[in-house]
Amino acid sequence: MKKTQSAGSIFYKARVLALVLASAGLIGGAAAAHADQFDVQINALNEQNSTVQGLVNGLESQASSYQDTINQLQVQIDSVRSQLADNQAKQASLEQQITANQQQIDQKKQQLSGTIKSMYIDGQTSTIEELASSKDLSDYVDKEEYHTAVQNQLDATIQQIGALQAELQKEKTQVDQLVVDEKTQNEQLSSAQAKQNQFLAFNEGQQTAYNAQISANSSQIAKLRQAQIAANARFSGGGSPGHGPTCGGGYPAKWCEVAQDSVIDDWGMYNRECVSYTAFRVAASGRNMPYWGGRGNANQWVNDAESAGIPVDHNPRAGDVAISLAGAFGHAMYVESVNGDGTINISQYNVNLDGRYSTRSDLSPSGLYFIHF
């Protein structure tokens, strides 16, 4: 089951992996080979790539989560900013209305002041004088009613505008608070989004670094394969992979007809490797084949044999295991026969790093070691 990893967990594992790989000497260089087949480093690099790719996948998942959060925050920010713009426009409109109403109130107060002044002046005139200045009694009454009506109308207008002014001021206070709250909310959302962007940037930086490591490992793998192929070029022949219940050289189907390096043979070595095949041939002939699994690179067999008291020299005999020390891991071959001119005929596996059986005739023994099991 795949577990969801937190960003902290992913970054911690990534750092630990980097330290482990660096301490093992497997980043940017070759490590000492301790497995039983020549591409131990290749397998180690592939395992590293698999592990690092797992970290990258976790980072990608976390990055997707960051991006989703950023997108959600942006939607909220856009909404708040839209509301803020609307309320700021409403705020400005209310301010204009309040200013206009205040101007009306001031104007009406001036008119009322004039009316009161006029009524005051009229009030200094005696009733007899005012009657005398009037055309008739009806004119006198009309003047009194007019003054009173104008005063009452101005008072009512001022009160009405004042009431509207109070409502507008109340609404503006509410809008002012909304504007303050929305500005605060916008700042908080923007700050949260900025942090998510920082997390995303760090995450992407980690991805870039690990993808670069995967690329470097892949390049190293390609170089190792090419180096091994070049080192083994002199042993390449016209053989072909075996088929049927037994494969080339009698190598058992249980090891031959499955994927290379997918199973371990009886001597602790991965299947379809040169050392696995030669170990099988030695054992199949009835001779003792030591258990060299875990330390069985071909270029280690010479020292392993000498340590075990098995003779090693440069003189080939049929049934010997021929060892080349060339390349990162060397190569092991089984000597089928020795020709009169001193050349040898050999059989082998994986000379071209493809896990296949092949043979070679008339091969010069120069530079080769021969283990006499």
Protein backbone atom coordinates (compact mmCIF):
# COMPACT_ATOMS: atom_id res chain seq x y z
CA MET A 1 0.00 0.00 0.00
CA LYS A 2 1.36 3.42 -0.91
CA LYS A 3 1.35 5.84 2.01
CA THR A 4 0.92 9.58 1.64
CA GLN A 5 4.06 11.37 2.72
CA SER A 6 4.19 14.85 4.22
CA ALA A 7 6.50 17.44 2.72
CA GLY A 8 8.71 17.31 5.82
CA SER A 9 8.91 13.54 5.61
CA ILE A 10 9.80 13.64 1.93
CA PHE A 11 12.48 16.30 2.36
CA TYR A 12 13.95 14.46 5.37
CA LYS A 13 14.14 11.18 3.46
CA ALA A 14 15.63 12.99 0.50
CA ARG A 15 18.42 14.46 2.62
CA VAL A 16 19.08 11.14 4.35
CA LEU A 17 19.28 9.36 0.99
CA ALA A 18 21.72 11.94 -0.33
CA LEU A 19 23.96 11.48 2.73
CA VAL A 20 23.79 7.69 2.45
CA LEU A 21 24.62 7.70 -1.25
CA ALA A 22 27.43 10.16 -0.75
CA SER A 23 28.92 8.15 2.12
CA ALA A 24 28.69 4.99 0.05
CA GLY A 25 30.63 6.68 -2.75
CA LEU A 26 27.92 5.94 -5.28
CA ILE A 27 27.23 9.49 -6.38
CA GLY A 28 29.66 10.65 -9.03
CA GLY A 29 31.98 7.68 -8.71
CA ALA A 30 32.30 3.92 -8.66
CA ALA A 31 31.82 1.89 -5.50
CA ALA A 32 33.69 -1.25 -4.57
CA ALA A 33 31.93 -4.26 -6.05
CA HIS A 34 30.70 -6.82 -3.56
CA ALA A 35 28.04 -8.69 -5.52
CA ASP A 36 28.41 -11.76 -7.65
CA GLN A 37 27.99 -10.32 -11.11
CA PHE A 38 29.78 -7.70 -13.12
CA ASP A 39 27.01 -5.08 -13.18
CA VAL A 40 26.66 -4.68 -9.41
CA GLN A 41 27.29 -0.97 -9.81
CA ILE A 42 24.72 -0.76 -12.56
CA ASN A 43 22.18 -2.48 -10.35
CA ALA A 44 23.09 -0.23 -7.44
CA LEU A 45 22.64 2.86 -9.62
CA ASN A 46 19.33 1.51 -10.89
CA GLU A 47 18.20 0.94 -7.32
CA GLN A 48 19.25 4.46 -6.43
CA ASN A 49 17.29 5.82 -9.38
CA SER A 50 14.27 3.81 -8.30
CA THR A 51 14.52 5.16 -4.76
CA VAL A 52 15.12 8.72 -5.89
CA GLN A 53 12.29 8.46 -8.41
CA GLY A 54 10.04 7.44 -5.54
CA LEU A 55 11.06 10.61 -3.73
CA VAL A 56 10.46 12.64 -6.87
CA ASN A 57 7.01 11.10 -7.23
CA GLY A 58 6.27 12.02 -3.63
CA LEU A 59 7.51 15.56 -4.25
CA GLU A 60 5.37 15.81 -7.38
CA SER A 61 2.33 14.74 -5.38
CA GLN A 62 3.15 17.28 -2.69
CA ALA A 63 3.73 19.95 -5.34
CA SER A 64 0.30 19.20 -6.78
CA SER A 65 -1.17 19.70 -3.32
CA TYR A 66 0.66 23.02 -2.96
CA GLN A 67 -0.55 24.16 -6.36
CA ASP A 68 -4.14 23.20 -5.52
CA THR A 69 -3.93 25.23 -2.31
CA ILE A 70 -2.42 28.18 -4.20
CA ASN A 71 -5.22 28.01 -6.76
CA GLN A 72 -7.89 27.87 -4.03
CA LEU A 73 -6.31 30.82 -2.24
CA GLN A 74 -6.24 32.75 -5.50
CA VAL A 75 -9.97 32.16 -5.97
CA GLN A 76 -10.57 33.52 -2.45
CA ILE A 77 -8.23 36.44 -3.06
CA ASP A 78 -10.00 37.32 -6.30
CA SER A 79 -13.39 37.16 -4.54
CA VAL A 80 -12.24 39.33 -1.62
CA ARG A 81 -10.62 41.86 -3.94
CA SER A 82 -13.81 42.04 -6.02
CA GLN A 83 -15.88 42.64 -2.87
CA LEU A 84 -13.32 45.17 -1.68
CA ALA A 85 -13.52 47.06 -4.97
CA ASP A 86 -17.34 47.09 -4.80
CA ASN A 87 -17.36 48.33 -1.22
CA GLN A 88 -14.72 50.97 -1.92
CA ALA A 89 -16.88 52.21 -4.79
CA LYS A 90 -19.92 52.18 -2.48
CA GLN A 91 -17.85 53.96 0.14
CA ALA A 92 -16.98 56.72 -2.31
CA SER A 93 -20.62 57.00 -3.44
CA LEU A 94 -21.83 57.30 0.15
CA GLU A 95 -19.25 59.97 0.84
CA GLN A 96 -20.51 61.92 -2.19
CA GLN A 97 -24.14 61.54 -1.05
CA ILE A 98 -23.31 62.62 2.49
CA THR A 99 -21.45 65.65 1.17
CA ALA A 100 -24.35 66.55 -1.14
CA ASN A 101 -26.91 66.14 1.66
CA GLN A 102 -24.82 68.27 3.97
CA GLN A 103 -24.80 70.96 1.30
CA GLN A 104 -28.61 70.75 1.08
CA ILE A 105 -28.94 70.97 4.84
CA ASP A 106 -26.67 74.02 4.90
CA GLN A 107 -28.70 75.60 2.08
CA LYS A 108 -32.03 74.90 3.78
CA LYS A 109 -30.70 76.25 7.05
CA GLN A 110 -29.71 79.45 5.27
CA GLN A 111 -33.19 79.68 3.77
CA LEU A 112 -34.76 78.99 7.16
CA SER A 113 -32.52 81.59 8.71
CA GLY A 114 -33.69 84.12 6.13
CA THR A 115 -37.32 83.24 6.73
CA ILE A 116 -36.94 83.53 10.49
CA LYS A 117 -35.20 86.87 10.03
CA SER A 118 -38.00 88.07 7.81
CA MET A 119 -40.60 86.89 10.30
CA TYR A 120 -38.68 88.62 13.06
CA ILE A 121 -38.67 91.88 11.15
CA ASP A 122 -42.34 91.47 10.38
CA GLY A 123 -42.89 90.78 14.03
CA GLN A 124 -41.58 94.27 14.92
CA THR A 125 -44.50 95.73 13.02
CA SER A 126 -47.66 96.26 15.00
CA THR A 127 -50.74 94.41 14.06
CA ILE A 128 -52.41 97.70 13.10
CA GLU A 129 -49.43 98.64 10.92
CA GLU A 130 -49.35 95.23 9.27
CA LEU A 131 -53.11 95.40 8.67
CA ALA A 132 -52.69 98.83 7.26
CA SER A 133 -50.02 97.62 4.88
CA SER A 134 -52.20 94.73 3.80
CA LYS A 135 -54.78 95.10 1.12
CA ASP A 136 -57.36 93.54 3.34
CA LEU A 137 -57.75 91.13 6.23
CA SER A 138 -57.41 88.16 3.93
CA ASP A 139 -54.04 89.43 2.73
CA TYR A 140 -52.91 89.81 6.35
CA VAL A 141 -53.93 86.22 7.18
CA ASP A 142 -52.23 84.91 4.03
CA LYS A 143 -48.97 86.56 5.04
CA GLU A 144 -49.07 84.97 8.48
CA GLU A 145 -49.92 81.56 7.10
CA TYR A 146 -47.21 81.83 4.46
CA HIS A 147 -44.51 82.62 6.97
CA THR A 148 -45.63 79.71 9.16
CA ALA A 149 -45.87 77.28 6.22
CA VAL A 150 -42.43 78.20 4.92
CA GLN A 151 -40.91 77.74 8.36
CA ASN A 152 -42.65 74.42 8.87
CA GLN A 153 -41.62 73.20 5.40
CA LEU A 154 -37.97 74.13 5.93
CA ASP A 155 -37.98 72.47 9.35
CA ALA A 156 -39.47 69.30 7.84
CA THR A 157 -36.98 69.30 4.97
CA ILE A 158 -34.04 69.75 7.30
CA GLN A 159 -35.32 66.96 9.53
CA GLN A 160 -35.86 64.68 6.51
CA ILE A 161 -32.40 65.35 5.11
CA GLY A 162 -30.92 64.96 8.57
CA ALA A 163 -32.59 61.57 8.98
CA LEU A 164 -31.29 60.48 5.57
CA GLN A 165 -27.89 61.83 6.50
CA ALA A 166 -27.90 59.70 9.66
CA GLU A 167 -28.83 56.57 7.68
CA LEU A 168 -26.13 57.28 5.12
CA GLN A 169 -23.57 57.84 7.87
CA LYS A 170 -24.59 54.57 9.53
CA GLU A 171 -24.30 52.69 6.23
CA LYS A 172 -20.94 54.32 5.52
CA THR A 173 -19.66 53.23 8.94
CA GLN A 174 -20.64 49.66 8.11
CA VAL A 175 -19.03 49.87 4.67
CA ASP A 176 -15.88 51.40 6.19
CA GLN A 177 -15.61 48.41 8.53
CA LEU A 178 -16.17 46.00 5.62
CA VAL A 179 -13.37 47.68 3.69
CA VAL A 180 -11.03 47.36 6.69
CA ASP A 181 -11.98 43.69 7.19
CA GLU A 182 -11.59 42.87 3.49
CA LYS A 183 -8.19 44.53 3.34
CA THR A 184 -7.09 42.46 6.36
CA GLN A 185 -8.50 39.28 4.79
CA ASN A 186 -6.75 40.05 1.51
CA GLU A 187 -3.42 40.52 3.32
CA GLN A 188 -3.87 37.23 5.22
CA LEU A 189 -4.77 35.29 2.08
CA SER A 190 -1.88 36.85 0.15
CA SER A 191 0.52 35.94 2.95
CA ALA A 192 -0.76 32.34 3.01
CA GLN A 193 -0.42 32.13 -0.75
CA ALA A 194 3.14 33.50 -0.60
CA LYS A 195 4.09 30.75 1.88
CA GLN A 196 2.57 28.09 -0.36
CA ASN A 197 4.56 29.50 -3.27
CA GLN A 198 7.73 29.25 -1.17
CA PHE A 199 6.96 25.62 -0.36
CA LEU A 200 6.28 24.92 -4.03
CA ALA A 201 9.52 26.60 -5.12
CA PHE A 202 11.53 24.58 -2.58
CA ASN A 203 9.73 21.42 -3.69
CA GLU A 204 10.49 22.09 -7.34
CA GLY A 205 14.13 22.76 -6.45
CA GLN A 206 14.29 19.35 -4.76
CA GLN A 207 12.71 17.73 -7.81
CA THR A 208 15.26 19.40 -10.09
CA ALA A 209 18.15 18.22 -7.91
CA TYR A 210 16.93 14.61 -7.78
CA ASN A 211 16.07 14.50 -11.46
CA ALA A 212 19.61 15.70 -12.11
CA GLN A 213 20.90 12.87 -9.90
CA ILE A 214 18.78 10.34 -11.82
CA SER A 215 20.15 11.72 -15.08
CA ALA A 216 23.72 11.53 -13.78
CA ASN A 217 23.18 7.95 -12.61
CA SER A 218 21.68 7.00 -15.96
CA SER A 219 24.67 8.51 -17.72
CA GLN A 220 27.02 6.56 -15.43
CA ILE A 221 25.08 3.36 -16.15
CA ALA A 222 25.46 3.93 -19.88
CA LYS A 223 29.21 4.51 -19.47
CA LEU A 224 29.61 1.36 -17.37
CA ARG A 225 27.78 -0.72 -19.96
CA GLN A 226 29.86 0.69 -22.79
CA ALA A 227 33.08 0.16 -20.85
CA GLN A 228 32.17 -3.45 -20.12
CA ILE A 229 31.19 -4.12 -23.71
CA ALA A 230 34.46 -2.59 -24.89
CA ALA A 231 36.44 -4.66 -22.38
CA ASN A 232 34.70 -7.84 -23.50
CA ALA A 233 34.86 -7.08 -27.22
CA ARG A 234 37.69 -9.55 -27.84
CA PHE A 235 35.58 -12.37 -26.42
CA SER A 236 32.51 -11.73 -28.57
CA GLY A 237 31.77 -14.53 -30.97
CA GLY A 238 29.06 -15.96 -33.15
CA GLY A 239 27.09 -17.71 -30.47
CA SER A 240 23.38 -17.29 -29.81
CA PRO A 241 21.12 -17.67 -26.77
CA GLY A 242 19.98 -21.15 -25.86
CA HIS A 243 16.39 -22.30 -26.18
CA GLY A 244 14.34 -25.26 -24.98
CA PRO A 245 14.51 -27.16 -21.69
CA THR A 246 18.23 -26.41 -21.39
CA CYS A 247 20.04 -23.35 -22.66
CA GLY A 248 23.48 -22.82 -24.19
CA GLY A 249 26.25 -24.80 -22.53
CA GLY A 250 23.68 -26.89 -20.66
CA TYR A 251 22.85 -23.94 -18.37
CA PRO A 252 19.59 -24.96 -16.61
CA ALA A 253 16.30 -23.55 -17.85
CA LYS A 254 15.35 -22.45 -14.31
CA TRP A 255 18.13 -19.88 -14.55
CA CYS A 256 18.28 -19.33 -18.28
CA GLU A 257 14.64 -19.00 -19.26
CA VAL A 258 13.80 -16.27 -16.76
CA ALA A 259 14.75 -12.61 -16.69
CA GLN A 260 18.42 -11.87 -16.09
CA ASP A 261 19.33 -11.15 -12.44
CA SER A 262 15.86 -12.25 -11.30
CA VAL A 263 16.99 -15.34 -9.33
CA ILE A 264 20.04 -16.51 -7.37
CA ASP A 265 21.88 -19.67 -8.41
CA ASP A 266 23.28 -22.37 -6.14
CA TRP A 267 26.51 -20.40 -5.58
CA GLY A 268 24.83 -17.14 -4.55
CA MET A 269 25.17 -15.48 -7.94
CA TYR A 270 22.58 -13.83 -10.16
CA ASN A 271 21.36 -15.85 -13.12
CA ARG A 272 22.56 -15.42 -16.71
CA GLU A 273 25.80 -13.76 -15.59
CA CYS A 274 29.21 -14.93 -16.74
CA VAL A 275 30.22 -16.08 -13.26
CA SER A 276 26.97 -17.97 -12.71
CA TYR A 277 27.44 -19.87 -15.96
CA THR A 278 31.08 -20.81 -15.30
CA ALA A 279 30.26 -21.84 -11.72
CA PHE A 280 27.57 -24.12 -13.12
CA ARG A 281 29.96 -25.69 -15.63
CA VAL A 282 32.56 -26.39 -12.96
CA ALA A 283 29.98 -27.98 -10.66
CA ALA A 284 28.33 -29.89 -13.52
CA SER A 285 31.71 -31.52 -14.29
CA GLY A 286 31.77 -33.00 -10.78
CA ARG A 287 34.37 -30.63 -9.39
CA ASN A 288 33.97 -28.50 -6.30
CA MET A 289 32.71 -25.00 -6.94
CA PRO A 290 33.07 -22.83 -3.78
CA TYR A 291 30.21 -20.61 -2.70
CA TRP A 292 31.45 -17.21 -3.89
CA GLY A 293 28.13 -15.40 -3.82
CA GLY A 294 28.28 -11.83 -2.58
CA ARG A 295 31.95 -11.46 -3.57
CA GLY A 296 31.98 -13.08 -6.94
CA ASN A 297 32.79 -10.47 -9.57
CA ALA A 298 34.87 -12.13 -12.26
CA ASN A 299 37.87 -9.93 -11.53
CA GLN A 300 37.80 -11.19 -7.92
CA TRP A 301 37.88 -14.86 -8.80
CA VAL A 302 41.66 -15.01 -9.19
CA ASN A 303 42.24 -13.87 -5.59
CA ASP A 304 39.31 -15.97 -4.37
CA ALA A 305 40.79 -19.08 -6.00
CA GLU A 306 44.26 -18.47 -4.65
CA SER A 307 42.82 -17.89 -1.18
CA ALA A 308 40.99 -21.23 -1.49
CA GLY A 309 44.18 -23.02 -2.60
CA ILE A 310 42.94 -23.52 -6.16
CA PRO A 311 45.77 -23.26 -8.74
CA VAL A 312 45.82 -20.22 -11.01
CA ASP A 313 48.25 -19.50 -13.86
CA HIS A 314 48.40 -18.35 -17.49
CA ASN A 315 48.38 -21.84 -19.03
CA PRO A 316 44.96 -22.90 -20.32
CA ARG A 317 43.50 -26.39 -20.01
CA ALA A 318 40.12 -27.71 -21.05
CA GLY A 319 37.67 -27.28 -18.19
CA ASP A 320 39.43 -24.22 -16.79
CA VAL A 321 37.67 -20.96 -16.06
CA ALA A 322 39.39 -18.17 -17.99
CA ILE A 323 39.34 -14.80 -16.27
CA SER A 324 39.82 -11.38 -17.84
CA LEU A 325 40.52 -8.53 -15.42
CA ALA A 326 39.62 -5.88 -17.98
CA GLY A 327 36.82 -3.44 -17.27
CA ALA A 328 35.11 -2.63 -14.02
CA PHE A 329 34.17 -6.22 -13.21
CA GLY A 330 36.19 -8.48 -15.44
CA HIS A 331 34.75 -11.43 -17.36
CA ALA A 332 34.61 -15.20 -16.78
CA MET A 333 34.60 -17.83 -19.58
CA TYR A 334 34.59 -21.62 -19.64
CA VAL A 335 37.43 -23.23 -21.61
CA GLU A 336 35.91 -25.89 -23.86
CA SER A 337 39.19 -26.94 -25.49
CA VAL A 338 42.72 -25.83 -26.27
CA ASN A 339 43.89 -25.78 -29.89
CA GLY A 340 47.29 -26.98 -31.13
CA ASP A 341 48.44 -23.41 -31.71
CA GLY A 342 47.66 -22.49 -28.11
CA THR A 343 44.45 -20.63 -28.82
CA ILE A 344 41.35 -21.62 -26.89
CA ASN A 345 37.69 -22.24 -27.62
CA ILE A 346 35.37 -20.85 -24.96
CA SER A 347 31.69 -20.58 -24.05
CA GLN A 348 30.26 -17.77 -21.99
CA TYR A 349 27.27 -15.76 -20.86
CA ASN A 350 26.58 -12.02 -20.89
CA VAL A 351 29.66 -10.92 -22.81
CA ASN A 352 27.52 -8.14 -24.36
CA LEU A 353 25.61 -7.41 -21.15
CA ASP A 354 22.46 -9.00 -22.55
CA GLY A 355 22.44 -12.18 -20.46
CA ARG A 356 22.85 -14.36 -23.56
CA TYR A 357 24.96 -17.42 -24.30
CA SER A 358 27.70 -17.29 -26.91
CA THR A 359 30.89 -19.02 -27.97
CA ARG A 360 34.27 -17.97 -29.33
CA SER A 361 36.89 -20.00 -31.17
CA ASP A 362 40.62 -19.50 -31.62
CA LEU A 363 40.84 -16.95 -28.81
CA SER A 364 44.30 -15.86 -27.77
CA PRO A 365 44.98 -16.70 -24.09
CA SER A 366 47.25 -13.67 -23.77
CA GLY A 367 46.48 -11.62 -20.69
CA LEU A 368 44.05 -14.18 -19.29
CA TYR A 369 44.21 -16.05 -15.99
CA PHE A 370 43.16 -19.70 -15.85
CA ILE A 371 41.69 -21.23 -12.72
CA HIS A 372 42.28 -24.97 -12.55
CA PHE A 373 39.36 -26.23 -10.44
